[in-house]
Amino acid sequence: MVTQGFIGEQKIGVLYGFFEQLSIRPNLTQNGAINVIFVFDNREDKIKPLAAKASEIFDVQITPGLSLLTIRHYTVDSIKRFTEGKNTLKTQQTKQNATWPF
């Protein structure tokens, strides 16, 4: 789910309140000044009501059918091997972990 518009702490708090109400937890989040991305398990029974609630505040886009790849203790070779030929949407990388929705 992608939300767009200026994203402030208060609005993020509202979203997390929705998550709590619906007992859903994101597997990946990525925040920016004008958008925030959340990746969830494919739980249509939770995603539809969440999108409906969030769309009261945000422009919501849902991209179904994604997979989430996380590599712990990655190397350049492992990243290349696992992501080659995949259309990765975003990259989230730390010194120990790398994660991509595709």
C-alpha atoms as a PDB file:
ATOM      1  CA  MET A   1       0.000   0.000   0.000  1.00  0.00           C
ATOM      2  CA  VAL A   2       1.355   3.428  -0.939  1.00  0.00           C
ATOM      3  CA  THR A   3      -0.013   6.644   0.527  1.00  0.00           C
ATOM      4  CA  GLN A   4       0.731  10.030  -0.992  1.00  0.00           C
ATOM      5  CA  GLY A   5       0.449  13.609   0.210  1.00  0.00           C
ATOM      6  CA  PHE A   6       2.549  15.378   2.839  1.00  0.00           C
ATOM      7  CA  ILE A   7       3.271  12.779   5.492  1.00  0.00           C
ATOM      8  CA  GLY A   8       3.694  14.117   9.011  1.00  0.00           C
ATOM      9  CA  GLU A   9       4.165  12.262  12.276  1.00  0.00           C
ATOM     10  CA  GLN A  10       0.537  12.789  13.220  1.00  0.00           C
ATOM     11  CA  LYS A  11      -0.714  11.135  10.017  1.00  0.00           C
ATOM     12  CA  ILE A  12       1.694   8.218  10.465  1.00  0.00           C
ATOM     13  CA  GLY A  13       0.300   7.812  13.980  1.00  0.00           C
ATOM     14  CA  VAL A  14      -3.223   7.616  12.560  1.00  0.00           C
ATOM     15  CA  LEU A  15      -2.119   4.868  10.169  1.00  0.00           C
ATOM     16  CA  TYR A  16      -0.558   2.870  12.990  1.00  0.00           C
ATOM     17  CA  GLY A  17      -3.818   3.281  14.902  1.00  0.00           C
ATOM     18  CA  PHE A  18      -5.591   1.657  11.930  1.00  0.00           C
ATOM     19  CA  PHE A  19      -3.026  -1.166  11.986  1.00  0.00           C
ATOM     20  CA  GLU A  20      -3.771  -1.723  15.671  1.00  0.00           C
ATOM     21  CA  GLN A  21      -7.548  -1.711  15.116  1.00  0.00           C
ATOM     22  CA  LEU A  22      -7.246  -4.287  12.332  1.00  0.00           C
ATOM     23  CA  SER A  23      -4.522  -6.388  14.012  1.00  0.00           C
ATOM     24  CA  ILE A  24      -2.186  -6.058  11.047  1.00  0.00           C
ATOM     25  CA  ARG A  25       1.546  -5.381  11.018  1.00  0.00           C
ATOM     26  CA  PRO A  26       3.616  -4.187   8.059  1.00  0.00           C
ATOM     27  CA  ASN A  27       6.565  -6.326   6.981  1.00  0.00           C
ATOM     28  CA  LEU A  28       8.329  -3.336   5.438  1.00  0.00           C
ATOM     29  CA  THR A  29       7.876   0.415   5.760  1.00  0.00           C
ATOM     30  CA  GLN A  30       9.602   3.204   3.901  1.00  0.00           C
ATOM     31  CA  ASN A  31       8.821   6.829   4.733  1.00  0.00           C
ATOM     32  CA  GLY A  32       9.484   9.933   2.709  1.00  0.00           C
ATOM     33  CA  ALA A  33       8.312  13.528   2.921  1.00  0.00           C
ATOM     34  CA  ILE A  34       5.445  13.011   0.472  1.00  0.00           C
ATOM     35  CA  ASN A  35       4.810   9.263   0.529  1.00  0.00           C
ATOM     36  CA  VAL A  36       5.027   6.207   2.707  1.00  0.00           C
ATOM     37  CA  ILE A  37       5.133   2.586   1.591  1.00  0.00           C
ATOM     38  CA  PHE A  38       3.889  -0.356   3.617  1.00  0.00           C
ATOM     39  CA  VAL A  39       4.258  -3.996   2.603  1.00  0.00           C
ATOM     40  CA  PHE A  40       1.867  -6.462   4.241  1.00  0.00           C
ATOM     41  CA  ASP A  41       1.131 -10.155   4.030  1.00  0.00           C
ATOM     42  CA  ASN A  42      -1.586 -10.868   1.476  1.00  0.00           C
ATOM     43  CA  ARG A  43      -4.540 -10.710   3.872  1.00  0.00           C
ATOM     44  CA  GLU A  44      -7.377  -9.367   1.757  1.00  0.00           C
ATOM     45  CA  ASP A  45      -9.696  -9.484   4.776  1.00  0.00           C
ATOM     46  CA  LYS A  46      -7.398  -6.944   6.473  1.00  0.00           C
ATOM     47  CA  ILE A  47      -6.047  -4.977   3.489  1.00  0.00           C
ATOM     48  CA  LYS A  48      -9.439  -3.921   2.082  1.00  0.00           C
ATOM     49  CA  PRO A  49     -10.695  -2.360   5.344  1.00  0.00           C
ATOM     50  CA  LEU A  50      -7.272  -0.794   5.954  1.00  0.00           C
ATOM     51  CA  ALA A  51      -7.233   0.764   2.478  1.00  0.00           C
ATOM     52  CA  ALA A  52     -10.780   2.057   2.971  1.00  0.00           C
ATOM     53  CA  LYS A  53      -9.863   3.711   6.292  1.00  0.00           C
ATOM     54  CA  ALA A  54      -6.561   5.100   4.983  1.00  0.00           C
ATOM     55  CA  SER A  55      -8.215   6.482   1.832  1.00  0.00           C
ATOM     56  CA  GLU A  56     -10.218   8.869   4.040  1.00  0.00           C
ATOM     57  CA  ILE A  57      -6.919  10.682   4.705  1.00  0.00           C
ATOM     58  CA  PHE A  58      -4.542   9.642   1.887  1.00  0.00           C
ATOM     59  CA  ASP A  59      -4.414   8.752  -1.773  1.00  0.00           C
ATOM     60  CA  VAL A  60      -3.974   4.971  -1.440  1.00  0.00           C
ATOM     61  CA  GLN A  61      -2.534   2.658  -4.077  1.00  0.00           C
ATOM     62  CA  ILE A  62      -2.459  -1.112  -3.640  1.00  0.00           C
ATOM     63  CA  THR A  63      -0.125  -3.349  -5.629  1.00  0.00           C
ATOM     64  CA  PRO A  64      -1.219  -6.966  -5.116  1.00  0.00           C
ATOM     65  CA  GLY A  65       0.835 -10.041  -5.898  1.00  0.00           C
ATOM     66  CA  LEU A  66       4.211  -8.829  -4.662  1.00  0.00           C
ATOM     67  CA  SER A  67       6.866 -10.909  -2.963  1.00  0.00           C
ATOM     68  CA  LEU A  68       9.278  -9.650  -0.333  1.00  0.00           C
ATOM     69  CA  LEU A  69      12.908 -10.739  -0.425  1.00  0.00           C
ATOM     70  CA  THR A  70      15.215 -10.196   2.557  1.00  0.00           C
ATOM     71  CA  ILE A  71      18.862 -11.270   2.576  1.00  0.00           C
ATOM     72  CA  ARG A  72      20.722 -11.237   5.882  1.00  0.00           C
ATOM     73  CA  HIS A  73      24.497 -10.863   5.779  1.00  0.00           C
ATOM     74  CA  TYR A  74      24.309 -10.208   2.038  1.00  0.00           C
ATOM     75  CA  THR A  75      27.158  -9.919  -0.413  1.00  0.00           C
ATOM     76  CA  VAL A  76      27.234  -8.186  -3.777  1.00  0.00           C
ATOM     77  CA  ASP A  77      27.075 -11.633  -5.413  1.00  0.00           C
ATOM     78  CA  SER A  78      24.066 -12.761  -3.359  1.00  0.00           C
ATOM     79  CA  ILE A  79      22.184  -9.568  -4.189  1.00  0.00           C
ATOM     80  CA  LYS A  80      22.886 -10.053  -7.888  1.00  0.00           C
ATOM     81  CA  ARG A  81      21.940 -13.750  -7.797  1.00  0.00           C
ATOM     82  CA  PHE A  82      18.600 -13.232  -6.001  1.00  0.00           C
ATOM     83  CA  THR A  83      17.469 -10.020  -7.709  1.00  0.00           C
ATOM     84  CA  GLU A  84      18.603 -10.675 -11.284  1.00  0.00           C
ATOM     85  CA  GLY A  85      15.648 -10.502 -13.665  1.00  0.00           C
ATOM     86  CA  LYS A  86      13.275  -9.203 -10.990  1.00  0.00           C
ATOM     87  CA  ASN A  87      11.539  -5.835 -11.133  1.00  0.00           C
ATOM     88  CA  THR A  88      12.340  -4.547  -7.646  1.00  0.00           C
ATOM     89  CA  LEU A  89      10.153  -1.644  -6.553  1.00  0.00           C
ATOM     90  CA  LYS A  90      12.191  -0.272  -3.645  1.00  0.00           C
ATOM     91  CA  THR A  91      15.389  -1.169  -1.846  1.00  0.00           C
ATOM     92  CA  GLN A  92      15.893  -0.997   1.880  1.00  0.00           C
ATOM     93  CA  GLN A  93      19.442  -1.799   2.887  1.00  0.00           C
ATOM     94  CA  THR A  94      21.443  -1.723   6.118  1.00  0.00           C
ATOM     95  CA  LYS A  95      24.931  -3.059   6.819  1.00  0.00           C
ATOM     96  CA  GLN A  96      23.491  -6.507   7.615  1.00  0.00           C
ATOM     97  CA  ASN A  97      20.162  -6.784   5.758  1.00  0.00           C
ATOM     98  CA  ALA A  98      18.806  -5.934   2.333  1.00  0.00           C
ATOM     99  CA  THR A  99      15.089  -6.092   1.483  1.00  0.00           C
ATOM    100  CA  TRP A 100      13.139  -5.663  -1.770  1.00  0.00           C
ATOM    101  CA  PRO A 101       9.482  -5.941  -2.710  1.00  0.00           C
ATOM    102  CA  PHE A 102       9.163  -7.233  -6.277  1.00  0.00           C
END
